[in-house]
Amino acid sequence: MFQAKKQYSDDYSAQVLSALKNELKSEINDIDMEKATLNNQKGKQASISVEATQPQYKLEDVILSSATRTQLEEGMAKLRFHKIIYEEWNFASVDKQGKSVILNFYGDPGTGKTLTAEAFAGSLNLPIIKLGIAELESKFMGETSKNIQTVFQKATESGAILFFDEADTLLGKRLSSVTQGIDNEVNSMRSTLLIELEKFDGIAIFATNFAKNYDEAFRSRISHHIHFDLPDSENRKALWQRMLVEQIPLEGEREQIIANIAELTEGFSGREIRTCMRLVLPKALLEAEKAQVAPKVTLEQLQAVISQVKLAKQEVASNRNRRSRSETLEEVNTARTLLGISE
């Protein structure tokens, strides 16, 4: 009887042990699969997809202020006269990074920085690689820096111009008080970018609406800082001439309409003028449909959409009326002092 009980106990223990082993094996397999999946995702993320494209525009296609165009021509002159400057005049003896041209396009939103970067490449008959922080950043530690190295390598191999949009995110001040892994990652990314710029022999263009956020180390490495002005009266007329294509029916004399709306849109960017056109065309068709007449764009309709865009400029996400961080901190510190609150 005791022998039978012992046999039963041994069998039961063996079954339990076997079940535990199987469960443990299953958990180990699950962990291995999760690791494999993570490594696979990491591998995919690390292999950033970079494509050089052929530009569709040249600088003569872009409406720019004379000051901006002059600065762009000076940037191109370094490339055109490189042999004279660096070989015949021997400037290479004191400028070891003379082969590269680093440009910074800065100014208000909608002033044509992205379009001009493509047109700059087009005028040089070079392909262009367009990038933003969304294409470069990675959720995996250290991979963003590798992505930056990859794009510079691709630009070197293809002879393409590198264009970084919203560059203040990339070229911002490095963090002095590092408290988290993400802070280390940001500093590593910016240090990598500095190193790659030092080694780069090609053309890189940065564009930003917030140039004051740049780290001094980046600012000093950029050869040409080119400001993009809001269009003046003549440029606004030229923009309206282009946007009001010949096929659009107008009610009234074309040149007079353009003169009027160019004056009304002082302070508008090229993008905002295009927005006006996107608003006025369906408006003209809708009003004509209701009145059962042939559609035409009128001065009154243009004035209405210009007023609409002006209101949006004042009330929606306006940077001009937004206080700076330093101003806000100063007000907070003043309030603390008045209330007798120590920091």
C-alpha atoms as a PDB file:
ATOM      1  CA  MET A   1       0.000   0.000   0.000  1.00  0.00           C
ATOM      2  CA  PHE A   2       2.791   2.411   0.965  1.00  0.00           C
ATOM      3  CA  GLN A   3       4.689   1.350  -2.136  1.00  0.00           C
ATOM      4  CA  ALA A   4       1.677   2.316  -4.292  1.00  0.00           C
ATOM      5  CA  LYS A   5       1.359   5.697  -2.586  1.00  0.00           C
ATOM      6  CA  LYS A   6       5.061   6.393  -3.133  1.00  0.00           C
ATOM      7  CA  GLN A   7       4.778   5.424  -6.794  1.00  0.00           C
ATOM      8  CA  TYR A   8       1.771   7.732  -7.202  1.00  0.00           C
ATOM      9  CA  SER A   9       3.652  10.572  -5.486  1.00  0.00           C
ATOM     10  CA  ASP A  10       6.686  10.114  -7.723  1.00  0.00           C
ATOM     11  CA  ASP A  11       4.531  10.052 -10.845  1.00  0.00           C
ATOM     12  CA  TYR A  12       2.680  13.182  -9.787  1.00  0.00           C
ATOM     13  CA  SER A  13       5.948  15.006  -9.017  1.00  0.00           C
ATOM     14  CA  ALA A  14       7.331  14.010 -12.405  1.00  0.00           C
ATOM     15  CA  GLN A  15       4.195  15.318 -14.117  1.00  0.00           C
ATOM     16  CA  VAL A  16       4.389  18.630 -12.229  1.00  0.00           C
ATOM     17  CA  LEU A  17       8.097  18.973 -12.998  1.00  0.00           C
ATOM     18  CA  SER A  18       7.468  18.227 -16.669  1.00  0.00           C
ATOM     19  CA  ALA A  19       4.642  20.788 -16.800  1.00  0.00           C
ATOM     20  CA  LEU A  20       6.864  23.428 -15.156  1.00  0.00           C
ATOM     21  CA  LYS A  21       9.661  22.711 -17.646  1.00  0.00           C
ATOM     22  CA  ASN A  22       7.266  23.046 -20.582  1.00  0.00           C
ATOM     23  CA  GLU A  23       5.870  26.295 -19.195  1.00  0.00           C
ATOM     24  CA  LEU A  24       9.375  27.645 -18.653  1.00  0.00           C
ATOM     25  CA  LYS A  25      10.382  26.668 -22.200  1.00  0.00           C
ATOM     26  CA  SER A  26       7.288  28.427 -23.523  1.00  0.00           C
ATOM     27  CA  GLU A  27       8.128  31.617 -21.601  1.00  0.00           C
ATOM     28  CA  ILE A  28      11.745  31.508 -22.816  1.00  0.00           C
ATOM     29  CA  ASN A  29      10.524  31.099 -26.413  1.00  0.00           C
ATOM     30  CA  ASP A  30       8.177  34.059 -25.969  1.00  0.00           C
ATOM     31  CA  ILE A  31      11.030  36.197 -24.621  1.00  0.00           C
ATOM     32  CA  ASP A  32      13.294  35.150 -27.507  1.00  0.00           C
ATOM     33  CA  MET A  33      10.583  36.025 -30.005  1.00  0.00           C
ATOM     34  CA  GLU A  34      10.056  39.443 -28.394  1.00  0.00           C
ATOM     35  CA  LYS A  35      13.808  40.101 -28.544  1.00  0.00           C
ATOM     36  CA  ALA A  36      13.923  39.024 -32.172  1.00  0.00           C
ATOM     37  CA  THR A  37      10.971  41.277 -33.023  1.00  0.00           C
ATOM     38  CA  LEU A  38      12.583  44.228 -31.223  1.00  0.00           C
ATOM     39  CA  ASN A  39      15.906  43.658 -32.962  1.00  0.00           C
ATOM     40  CA  ASN A  40      14.123  43.363 -36.305  1.00  0.00           C
ATOM     41  CA  GLN A  41      12.273  46.646 -35.670  1.00  0.00           C
ATOM     42  CA  LYS A  42      15.512  48.270 -34.572  1.00  0.00           C
ATOM     43  CA  GLY A  43      17.234  47.077 -37.723  1.00  0.00           C
ATOM     44  CA  LYS A  44      14.464  48.449 -39.882  1.00  0.00           C
ATOM     45  CA  GLN A  45      14.505  51.769 -38.029  1.00  0.00           C
ATOM     46  CA  ALA A  46      18.275  52.046 -38.286  1.00  0.00           C
ATOM     47  CA  SER A  47      18.220  51.577 -42.059  1.00  0.00           C
ATOM     48  CA  ILE A  48      16.778  55.025 -42.759  1.00  0.00           C
ATOM     49  CA  SER A  49      15.364  55.386 -46.247  1.00  0.00           C
ATOM     50  CA  VAL A  50      17.144  58.270 -47.994  1.00  0.00           C
ATOM     51  CA  GLU A  51      16.262  59.223 -51.542  1.00  0.00           C
ATOM     52  CA  ALA A  52      17.861  61.868 -53.724  1.00  0.00           C
ATOM     53  CA  THR A  53      15.359  63.494 -56.102  1.00  0.00           C
ATOM     54  CA  GLN A  54      15.752  65.720 -59.136  1.00  0.00           C
ATOM     55  CA  PRO A  55      14.655  69.346 -58.544  1.00  0.00           C
ATOM     56  CA  GLN A  56      11.677  70.688 -60.461  1.00  0.00           C
ATOM     57  CA  TYR A  57      12.635  74.369 -60.192  1.00  0.00           C
ATOM     58  CA  LYS A  58      15.504  76.778 -60.736  1.00  0.00           C
ATOM     59  CA  LEU A  59      16.210  80.084 -59.008  1.00  0.00           C
ATOM     60  CA  GLU A  60      14.707  82.076 -61.867  1.00  0.00           C
ATOM     61  CA  ASP A  61      11.383  80.382 -61.069  1.00  0.00           C
ATOM     62  CA  VAL A  62      11.313  81.789 -57.524  1.00  0.00           C
ATOM     63  CA  ILE A  63      10.140  85.308 -56.619  1.00  0.00           C
ATOM     64  CA  LEU A  64      12.627  86.704 -54.104  1.00  0.00           C
ATOM     65  CA  SER A  65      13.694  90.088 -52.770  1.00  0.00           C
ATOM     66  CA  SER A  66      16.799  91.551 -54.393  1.00  0.00           C
ATOM     67  CA  ALA A  67      18.756  91.241 -51.116  1.00  0.00           C
ATOM     68  CA  THR A  68      17.927  87.536 -50.754  1.00  0.00           C
ATOM     69  CA  ARG A  69      18.736  86.816 -54.403  1.00  0.00           C
ATOM     70  CA  THR A  70      22.091  88.612 -54.116  1.00  0.00           C
ATOM     71  CA  GLN A  71      23.061  86.512 -51.088  1.00  0.00           C
ATOM     72  CA  LEU A  72      22.098  83.323 -52.939  1.00  0.00           C
ATOM     73  CA  GLU A  73      24.178  84.348 -55.945  1.00  0.00           C
ATOM     74  CA  GLU A  74      27.137  84.957 -53.643  1.00  0.00           C
ATOM     75  CA  GLY A  75      26.703  81.454 -52.208  1.00  0.00           C
ATOM     76  CA  MET A  76      26.711  80.010 -55.715  1.00  0.00           C
ATOM     77  CA  ALA A  77      29.734  82.138 -56.667  1.00  0.00           C
ATOM     78  CA  LYS A  78      31.895  80.235 -54.170  1.00  0.00           C
ATOM     79  CA  LEU A  79      31.075  77.068 -56.103  1.00  0.00           C
ATOM     80  CA  ARG A  80      31.467  78.597 -59.552  1.00  0.00           C
ATOM     81  CA  PHE A  81      34.811  80.234 -58.767  1.00  0.00           C
ATOM     82  CA  HIS A  82      36.111  77.552 -56.425  1.00  0.00           C
ATOM     83  CA  LYS A  83      39.152  76.709 -58.547  1.00  0.00           C
ATOM     84  CA  ILE A  84      40.236  80.344 -58.774  1.00  0.00           C
ATOM     85  CA  ILE A  85      39.683  81.056 -55.078  1.00  0.00           C
ATOM     86  CA  TYR A  86      41.162  77.882 -53.605  1.00  0.00           C
ATOM     87  CA  GLU A  87      43.747  76.830 -56.173  1.00  0.00           C
ATOM     88  CA  GLU A  88      44.924  79.850 -58.184  1.00  0.00           C
ATOM     89  CA  TRP A  89      44.641  82.262 -55.250  1.00  0.00           C
ATOM     90  CA  ASN A  90      45.750  79.504 -52.814  1.00  0.00           C
ATOM     91  CA  PHE A  91      43.044  80.230 -50.221  1.00  0.00           C
ATOM     92  CA  ALA A  92      43.016  76.465 -49.547  1.00  0.00           C
ATOM     93  CA  SER A  93      46.213  76.962 -47.526  1.00  0.00           C
ATOM     94  CA  VAL A  94      44.207  78.697 -44.790  1.00  0.00           C
ATOM     95  CA  ASP A  95      40.729  77.245 -45.343  1.00  0.00           C
ATOM     96  CA  LYS A  96      40.792  73.461 -45.110  1.00  0.00           C
ATOM     97  CA  GLN A  97      36.981  73.154 -45.240  1.00  0.00           C
ATOM     98  CA  GLY A  98      36.753  75.205 -48.417  1.00  0.00           C
ATOM     99  CA  LYS A  99      35.107  72.491 -50.492  1.00  0.00           C
ATOM    100  CA  SER A 100      31.853  72.593 -48.538  1.00  0.00           C
ATOM    101  CA  VAL A 101      29.111  75.222 -48.671  1.00  0.00           C
ATOM    102  CA  ILE A 102      26.751  75.391 -45.672  1.00  0.00           C
ATOM    103  CA  LEU A 103      23.763  77.691 -46.073  1.00  0.00           C
ATOM    104  CA  ASN A 104      21.157  78.745 -43.545  1.00  0.00           C
ATOM    105  CA  PHE A 105      17.809  80.026 -44.830  1.00  0.00           C
ATOM    106  CA  TYR A 106      15.912  81.869 -42.123  1.00  0.00           C
ATOM    107  CA  GLY A 107      12.874  84.113 -42.007  1.00  0.00           C
ATOM    108  CA  ASP A 108       9.122  84.161 -41.555  1.00  0.00           C
ATOM    109  CA  PRO A 109       7.052  81.080 -42.467  1.00  0.00           C
ATOM    110  CA  GLY A 110       5.883  80.930 -46.064  1.00  0.00           C
ATOM    111  CA  THR A 111       8.658  83.087 -47.527  1.00  0.00           C
ATOM    112  CA  GLY A 112       9.914  80.388 -49.914  1.00  0.00           C
ATOM    113  CA  LYS A 113      12.818  78.779 -48.043  1.00  0.00           C
ATOM    114  CA  THR A 114      11.953  75.176 -48.973  1.00  0.00           C
ATOM    115  CA  LEU A 115      11.175  76.047 -52.594  1.00  0.00           C
ATOM    116  CA  THR A 116      14.404  78.046 -52.869  1.00  0.00           C
ATOM    117  CA  ALA A 117      16.467  75.121 -51.553  1.00  0.00           C
ATOM    118  CA  GLU A 118      15.107  72.958 -54.356  1.00  0.00           C
ATOM    119  CA  ALA A 119      15.623  75.761 -56.890  1.00  0.00           C
ATOM    120  CA  PHE A 120      19.211  76.230 -55.670  1.00  0.00           C
ATOM    121  CA  ALA A 121      19.872  72.565 -56.392  1.00  0.00           C
ATOM    122  CA  GLY A 122      18.102  72.859 -59.744  1.00  0.00           C
ATOM    123  CA  SER A 123      20.252  75.806 -60.789  1.00  0.00           C
ATOM    124  CA  LEU A 124      23.348  73.718 -60.045  1.00  0.00           C
ATOM    125  CA  ASN A 125      21.884  70.659 -61.826  1.00  0.00           C
ATOM    126  CA  LEU A 126      22.314  68.596 -58.658  1.00  0.00           C
ATOM    127  CA  PRO A 127      19.911  66.167 -56.974  1.00  0.00           C
ATOM    128  CA  ILE A 128      18.579  67.030 -53.524  1.00  0.00           C
ATOM    129  CA  ILE A 129      17.871  65.035 -50.360  1.00  0.00           C
ATOM    130  CA  LYS A 130      15.116  66.637 -48.264  1.00  0.00           C
ATOM    131  CA  LEU A 131      14.965  65.798 -44.579  1.00  0.00           C
ATOM    132  CA  GLY A 132      13.248  66.835 -41.368  1.00  0.00           C
ATOM    133  CA  ILE A 133      13.505  65.688 -37.782  1.00  0.00           C
ATOM    134  CA  ALA A 134      10.682  63.202 -38.453  1.00  0.00           C
ATOM    135  CA  GLU A 135      12.864  61.335 -40.958  1.00  0.00           C
ATOM    136  CA  LEU A 136      15.957  61.381 -38.735  1.00  0.00           C
ATOM    137  CA  GLU A 137      14.748  60.703 -35.214  1.00  0.00           C
ATOM    138  CA  SER A 138      14.455  57.176 -33.863  1.00  0.00           C
ATOM    139  CA  LYS A 139      12.798  55.732 -30.765  1.00  0.00           C
ATOM    140  CA  PHE A 140      15.913  53.589 -30.280  1.00  0.00           C
ATOM    141  CA  MET A 141      18.790  55.083 -28.293  1.00  0.00           C
ATOM    142  CA  GLY A 142      21.741  56.004 -30.491  1.00  0.00           C
ATOM    143  CA  GLU A 143      19.956  55.371 -33.794  1.00  0.00           C
ATOM    144  CA  THR A 144      19.236  59.051 -34.579  1.00  0.00           C
ATOM    145  CA  SER A 145      22.982  59.746 -34.640  1.00  0.00           C
ATOM    146  CA  LYS A 146      23.477  56.768 -36.970  1.00  0.00           C
ATOM    147  CA  ASN A 147      20.739  58.105 -39.234  1.00  0.00           C
ATOM    148  CA  ILE A 148      22.556  61.437 -39.476  1.00  0.00           C
ATOM    149  CA  GLN A 149      25.764  59.641 -40.466  1.00  0.00           C
ATOM    150  CA  THR A 150      23.819  57.684 -43.080  1.00  0.00           C
ATOM    151  CA  VAL A 151      22.343  60.747 -44.792  1.00  0.00           C
ATOM    152  CA  PHE A 152      25.723  62.482 -45.039  1.00  0.00           C
ATOM    153  CA  GLN A 153      27.214  59.311 -46.509  1.00  0.00           C
ATOM    154  CA  LYS A 154      24.353  59.085 -49.029  1.00  0.00           C
ATOM    155  CA  ALA A 155      24.796  62.744 -50.017  1.00  0.00           C
ATOM    156  CA  THR A 156      28.517  62.186 -50.561  1.00  0.00           C
ATOM    157  CA  GLU A 157      27.928  59.081 -52.681  1.00  0.00           C
ATOM    158  CA  SER A 158      25.181  60.654 -54.836  1.00  0.00           C
ATOM    159  CA  GLY A 159      26.608  64.175 -55.036  1.00  0.00           C
ATOM    160  CA  ALA A 160      23.275  65.504 -53.738  1.00  0.00           C
ATOM    161  CA  ILE A 161      22.558  68.682 -51.824  1.00  0.00           C
ATOM    162  CA  LEU A 162      21.368  67.999 -48.277  1.00  0.00           C
ATOM    163  CA  PHE A 163      18.358  70.030 -47.147  1.00  0.00           C
ATOM    164  CA  PHE A 164      17.286  70.032 -43.489  1.00  0.00           C
ATOM    165  CA  ASP A 165      13.889  71.620 -42.823  1.00  0.00           C
ATOM    166  CA  GLU A 166      12.867  72.986 -39.385  1.00  0.00           C
ATOM    167  CA  ALA A 167      16.572  72.925 -38.570  1.00  0.00           C
ATOM    168  CA  ASP A 168      16.261  74.663 -35.192  1.00  0.00           C
ATOM    169  CA  THR A 169      15.227  71.260 -33.799  1.00  0.00           C
ATOM    170  CA  LEU A 170      18.533  69.814 -35.001  1.00  0.00           C
ATOM    171  CA  LEU A 171      20.798  72.813 -34.448  1.00  0.00           C
ATOM    172  CA  GLY A 172      19.442  73.953 -31.084  1.00  0.00           C
ATOM    173  CA  LYS A 173      21.578  74.586 -28.040  1.00  0.00           C
ATOM    174  CA  ARG A 174      23.067  71.473 -26.483  1.00  0.00           C
ATOM    175  CA  LEU A 175      21.775  70.634 -23.012  1.00  0.00           C
ATOM    176  CA  SER A 176      24.118  71.442 -20.124  1.00  0.00           C
ATOM    177  CA  SER A 177      22.046  69.863 -17.338  1.00  0.00           C
ATOM    178  CA  VAL A 178      21.614  66.294 -18.535  1.00  0.00           C
ATOM    179  CA  THR A 179      19.099  64.466 -16.345  1.00  0.00           C
ATOM    180  CA  GLN A 180      17.585  61.787 -18.600  1.00  0.00           C
ATOM    181  CA  GLY A 181      18.582  59.372 -21.321  1.00  0.00           C
ATOM    182  CA  ILE A 182      16.681  61.475 -23.863  1.00  0.00           C
ATOM    183  CA  ASP A 183      18.895  64.477 -22.958  1.00  0.00           C
ATOM    184  CA  ASN A 184      21.987  62.409 -23.730  1.00  0.00           C
ATOM    185  CA  GLU A 185      20.413  61.352 -27.010  1.00  0.00           C
ATOM    186  CA  VAL A 186      19.762  64.992 -28.028  1.00  0.00           C
ATOM    187  CA  ASN A 187      23.337  66.017 -27.202  1.00  0.00           C
ATOM    188  CA  SER A 188      24.712  62.973 -29.030  1.00  0.00           C
ATOM    189  CA  MET A 189      22.636  63.800 -32.124  1.00  0.00           C
ATOM    190  CA  ARG A 190      23.874  67.404 -32.179  1.00  0.00           C
ATOM    191  CA  SER A 191      27.499  66.404 -31.593  1.00  0.00           C
ATOM    192  CA  THR A 192      27.264  63.900 -34.450  1.00  0.00           C
ATOM    193  CA  LEU A 193      25.849  66.592 -36.734  1.00  0.00           C
ATOM    194  CA  LEU A 194      28.740  68.918 -35.877  1.00  0.00           C
ATOM    195  CA  ILE A 195      31.280  66.195 -36.678  1.00  0.00           C
ATOM    196  CA  GLU A 196      29.586  65.311 -39.985  1.00  0.00           C
ATOM    197  CA  LEU A 197      29.473  68.976 -41.030  1.00  0.00           C
ATOM    198  CA  GLU A 198      33.207  69.282 -40.354  1.00  0.00           C
ATOM    199  CA  LYS A 199      33.934  66.284 -42.612  1.00  0.00           C
ATOM    200  CA  PHE A 200      31.384  67.110 -45.336  1.00  0.00           C
ATOM    201  CA  ASP A 201      32.712  68.332 -48.684  1.00  0.00           C
ATOM    202  CA  GLY A 202      29.334  68.972 -50.296  1.00  0.00           C
ATOM    203  CA  ILE A 203      26.455  71.447 -50.017  1.00  0.00           C
ATOM    204  CA  ALA A 204      24.077  71.486 -47.059  1.00  0.00           C
ATOM    205  CA  ILE A 205      21.145  73.843 -46.595  1.00  0.00           C
ATOM    206  CA  PHE A 206      19.300  74.413 -43.320  1.00  0.00           C
ATOM    207  CA  ALA A 207      15.964  76.213 -43.091  1.00  0.00           C
ATOM    208  CA  THR A 208      14.278  77.609 -40.007  1.00  0.00           C
ATOM    209  CA  ASN A 209      11.678  80.072 -38.772  1.00  0.00           C
ATOM    210  CA  PHE A 210      13.528  80.309 -35.421  1.00  0.00           C
ATOM    211  CA  ALA A 211      17.203  81.019 -36.139  1.00  0.00           C
ATOM    212  CA  LYS A 212      17.755  82.491 -32.659  1.00  0.00           C
ATOM    213  CA  ASN A 213      17.420  78.964 -31.245  1.00  0.00           C
ATOM    214  CA  TYR A 214      20.635  77.805 -32.965  1.00  0.00           C
ATOM    215  CA  ASP A 215      23.638  76.699 -30.925  1.00  0.00           C
ATOM    216  CA  GLU A 216      26.613  79.050 -31.414  1.00  0.00           C
ATOM    217  CA  ALA A 217      28.772  76.109 -32.536  1.00  0.00           C
ATOM    218  CA  PHE A 218      26.436  75.563 -35.497  1.00  0.00           C
ATOM    219  CA  ARG A 219      26.022  79.246 -36.301  1.00  0.00           C
ATOM    220  CA  SER A 220      29.774  79.731 -36.667  1.00  0.00           C
ATOM    221  CA  ARG A 221      30.119  76.719 -38.996  1.00  0.00           C
ATOM    222  CA  ILE A 222      27.530  78.006 -41.476  1.00  0.00           C
ATOM    223  CA  SER A 223      29.153  79.962 -44.291  1.00  0.00           C
ATOM    224  CA  HIS A 224      26.106  81.916 -45.508  1.00  0.00           C
ATOM    225  CA  HIS A 225      23.147  83.048 -43.392  1.00  0.00           C
ATOM    226  CA  ILE A 226      20.473  84.176 -45.853  1.00  0.00           C
ATOM    227  CA  HIS A 227      17.439  86.051 -44.600  1.00  0.00           C
ATOM    228  CA  PHE A 228      14.141  85.576 -46.433  1.00  0.00           C
ATOM    229  CA  ASP A 229      12.135  88.784 -46.309  1.00  0.00           C
ATOM    230  CA  LEU A 230       8.402  89.086 -46.595  1.00  0.00           C
ATOM    231  CA  PRO A 231       7.641  90.213 -50.164  1.00  0.00           C
ATOM    232  CA  ASP A 232       7.675  93.950 -50.816  1.00  0.00           C
ATOM    233  CA  SER A 233       5.127  95.707 -53.031  1.00  0.00           C
ATOM    234  CA  GLU A 234       6.751  94.709 -56.317  1.00  0.00           C
ATOM    235  CA  ASN A 235       7.203  91.108 -55.211  1.00  0.00           C
ATOM    236  CA  ARG A 236       3.578  90.940 -54.064  1.00  0.00           C
ATOM    237  CA  LYS A 237       2.471  92.164 -57.474  1.00  0.00           C
ATOM    238  CA  ALA A 238       4.644  89.510 -59.111  1.00  0.00           C
ATOM    239  CA  LEU A 239       3.181  86.824 -56.815  1.00  0.00           C
ATOM    240  CA  TRP A 240      -0.392  87.881 -57.603  1.00  0.00           C
ATOM    241  CA  GLN A 241       0.447  87.948 -61.312  1.00  0.00           C
ATOM    242  CA  ARG A 242       1.636  84.351 -61.054  1.00  0.00           C
ATOM    243  CA  MET A 243      -1.250  83.128 -58.884  1.00  0.00           C
ATOM    244  CA  LEU A 244      -3.958  84.765 -60.992  1.00  0.00           C
ATOM    245  CA  VAL A 245      -3.224  82.559 -63.989  1.00  0.00           C
ATOM    246  CA  GLU A 246      -4.549  83.714 -67.348  1.00  0.00           C
ATOM    247  CA  GLN A 247      -7.321  81.112 -67.468  1.00  0.00           C
ATOM    248  CA  ILE A 248      -9.031  82.489 -64.340  1.00  0.00           C
ATOM    249  CA  PRO A 249     -11.810  84.898 -65.396  1.00  0.00           C
ATOM    250  CA  LEU A 250     -11.642  88.294 -63.683  1.00  0.00           C
ATOM    251  CA  GLU A 251     -14.273  90.969 -63.408  1.00  0.00           C
ATOM    252  CA  GLY A 252     -12.494  94.239 -64.024  1.00  0.00           C
ATOM    253  CA  GLU A 253      -9.140  95.383 -65.332  1.00  0.00           C
ATOM    254  CA  ARG A 254      -6.428  92.867 -64.380  1.00  0.00           C
ATOM    255  CA  GLU A 255      -3.569  95.273 -63.635  1.00  0.00           C
ATOM    256  CA  GLN A 256      -5.743  97.507 -61.468  1.00  0.00           C
ATOM    257  CA  ILE A 257      -7.026  94.526 -59.471  1.00  0.00           C
ATOM    258  CA  ILE A 258      -3.473  93.299 -58.901  1.00  0.00           C
ATOM    259  CA  ALA A 259      -2.314  96.766 -57.803  1.00  0.00           C
ATOM    260  CA  ASN A 260      -5.183  96.951 -55.286  1.00  0.00           C
ATOM    261  CA  ILE A 261      -4.709  93.517 -53.757  1.00  0.00           C
ATOM    262  CA  ALA A 262      -0.905  93.877 -53.648  1.00  0.00           C
ATOM    263  CA  GLU A 263      -1.416  96.930 -51.462  1.00  0.00           C
ATOM    264  CA  LEU A 264      -3.980  95.133 -49.284  1.00  0.00           C
ATOM    265  CA  THR A 265      -1.649  92.197 -48.668  1.00  0.00           C
ATOM    266  CA  GLU A 266       1.267  94.111 -47.179  1.00  0.00           C
ATOM    267  CA  GLY A 267       2.934  91.824 -44.629  1.00  0.00           C
ATOM    268  CA  PHE A 268       1.687  88.660 -46.359  1.00  0.00           C
ATOM    269  CA  SER A 269       4.031  85.828 -47.281  1.00  0.00           C
ATOM    270  CA  GLY A 270       3.886  84.054 -50.624  1.00  0.00           C
ATOM    271  CA  ARG A 271       2.176  81.130 -48.905  1.00  0.00           C
ATOM    272  CA  GLU A 272      -0.535  83.421 -47.519  1.00  0.00           C
ATOM    273  CA  ILE A 273      -1.147  84.921 -50.954  1.00  0.00           C
ATOM    274  CA  ARG A 274      -1.587  81.407 -52.326  1.00  0.00           C
ATOM    275  CA  THR A 275      -3.994  80.699 -49.449  1.00  0.00           C
ATOM    276  CA  CYS A 276      -6.063  83.698 -50.571  1.00  0.00           C
ATOM    277  CA  MET A 277      -6.316  82.179 -54.031  1.00  0.00           C
ATOM    278  CA  ARG A 278      -7.338  78.812 -52.616  1.00  0.00           C
ATOM    279  CA  LEU A 279     -10.155  80.560 -50.766  1.00  0.00           C
ATOM    280  CA  VAL A 280     -11.350  82.893 -53.502  1.00  0.00           C
ATOM    281  CA  LEU A 281     -11.722  80.399 -56.357  1.00  0.00           C
ATOM    282  CA  PRO A 282     -14.396  78.157 -54.752  1.00  0.00           C
ATOM    283  CA  LYS A 283     -16.009  81.297 -53.324  1.00  0.00           C
ATOM    284  CA  ALA A 284     -16.379  82.797 -56.829  1.00  0.00           C
ATOM    285  CA  LEU A 285     -17.826  79.532 -58.217  1.00  0.00           C
ATOM    286  CA  LEU A 286     -20.280  79.127 -55.340  1.00  0.00           C
ATOM    287  CA  GLU A 287     -21.541  82.690 -55.580  1.00  0.00           C
ATOM    288  CA  ALA A 288     -21.922  82.400 -59.366  1.00  0.00           C
ATOM    289  CA  GLU A 289     -23.861  79.144 -58.952  1.00  0.00           C
ATOM    290  CA  LYS A 290     -26.274  80.748 -56.490  1.00  0.00           C
ATOM    291  CA  ALA A 291     -26.772  83.797 -58.724  1.00  0.00           C
ATOM    292  CA  GLN A 292     -26.957  81.606 -61.862  1.00  0.00           C
ATOM    293  CA  VAL A 293     -24.356  83.681 -63.700  1.00  0.00           C
ATOM    294  CA  ALA A 294     -21.022  82.922 -65.351  1.00  0.00           C
ATOM    295  CA  PRO A 295     -18.306  82.648 -62.684  1.00  0.00           C
ATOM    296  CA  LYS A 296     -15.761  85.449 -62.368  1.00  0.00           C
ATOM    297  CA  VAL A 297     -13.373  86.439 -59.603  1.00  0.00           C
ATOM    298  CA  THR A 298     -14.174  89.941 -58.396  1.00  0.00           C
ATOM    299  CA  LEU A 299     -12.173  92.494 -56.430  1.00  0.00           C
ATOM    300  CA  GLU A 300     -14.788  92.311 -53.655  1.00  0.00           C
ATOM    301  CA  GLN A 301     -14.301  88.550 -53.328  1.00  0.00           C
ATOM    302  CA  LEU A 302     -10.531  88.989 -53.184  1.00  0.00           C
ATOM    303  CA  GLN A 303     -10.896  91.688 -50.537  1.00  0.00           C
ATOM    304  CA  ALA A 304     -13.126  89.364 -48.496  1.00  0.00           C
ATOM    305  CA  VAL A 305     -10.662  86.464 -48.455  1.00  0.00           C
ATOM    306  CA  ILE A 306      -7.742  88.811 -47.736  1.00  0.00           C
ATOM    307  CA  SER A 307      -9.642  90.053 -44.670  1.00  0.00           C
ATOM    308  CA  GLN A 308     -10.285  86.439 -43.704  1.00  0.00           C
ATOM    309  CA  VAL A 309      -6.571  85.580 -43.855  1.00  0.00           C
ATOM    310  CA  LYS A 310      -5.651  88.751 -41.939  1.00  0.00           C
ATOM    311  CA  LEU A 311      -8.029  87.762 -39.145  1.00  0.00           C
ATOM    312  CA  ALA A 312      -6.500  84.289 -38.978  1.00  0.00           C
ATOM    313  CA  LYS A 313      -3.007  85.848 -38.812  1.00  0.00           C
ATOM    314  CA  GLN A 314      -4.080  87.884 -35.786  1.00  0.00           C
ATOM    315  CA  GLU A 315      -6.035  85.252 -33.894  1.00  0.00           C
ATOM    316  CA  VAL A 316      -4.675  81.810 -34.780  1.00  0.00           C
ATOM    317  CA  ALA A 317      -1.187  80.727 -33.589  1.00  0.00           C
ATOM    318  CA  SER A 318       0.344  84.173 -33.990  1.00  0.00           C
ATOM    319  CA  ASN A 319       4.014  84.221 -33.016  1.00  0.00           C
ATOM    320  CA  ARG A 320       4.313  87.989 -33.170  1.00  0.00           C
ATOM    321  CA  ASN A 321       2.005  88.561 -30.238  1.00  0.00           C
ATOM    322  CA  ARG A 322       3.345  85.663 -28.189  1.00  0.00           C
ATOM    323  CA  ARG A 323       5.651  86.521 -25.303  1.00  0.00           C
ATOM    324  CA  SER A 324       9.102  85.007 -25.296  1.00  0.00           C
ATOM    325  CA  ARG A 325      10.155  82.505 -22.655  1.00  0.00           C
ATOM    326  CA  SER A 326      12.578  85.013 -21.108  1.00  0.00           C
ATOM    327  CA  GLU A 327       9.807  87.618 -20.848  1.00  0.00           C
ATOM    328  CA  THR A 328       7.514  85.098 -19.192  1.00  0.00           C
ATOM    329  CA  LEU A 329      10.209  84.012 -16.696  1.00  0.00           C
ATOM    330  CA  GLU A 330      10.956  87.641 -15.870  1.00  0.00           C
ATOM    331  CA  GLU A 331       7.286  88.242 -15.091  1.00  0.00           C
ATOM    332  CA  VAL A 332       7.146  85.102 -12.936  1.00  0.00           C
ATOM    333  CA  ASN A 333      10.235  86.133 -10.962  1.00  0.00           C
ATOM    334  CA  THR A 334       8.825  89.641 -10.450  1.00  0.00           C
ATOM    335  CA  ALA A 335       5.575  88.168  -9.166  1.00  0.00           C
ATOM    336  CA  ARG A 336       7.494  85.891  -6.767  1.00  0.00           C
ATOM    337  CA  THR A 337       9.419  88.869  -5.391  1.00  0.00           C
ATOM    338  CA  LEU A 338       6.263  90.896  -4.840  1.00  0.00           C
ATOM    339  CA  LEU A 339       4.620  87.980  -3.066  1.00  0.00           C
ATOM    340  CA  GLY A 340       7.700  87.219  -0.973  1.00  0.00           C
ATOM    341  CA  ILE A 341       8.068  83.735  -2.439  1.00  0.00           C
ATOM    342  CA  SER A 342      11.583  82.366  -2.786  1.00  0.00           C
ATOM    343  CA  GLU A 343      12.466  80.193  -5.782  1.00  0.00           C
END
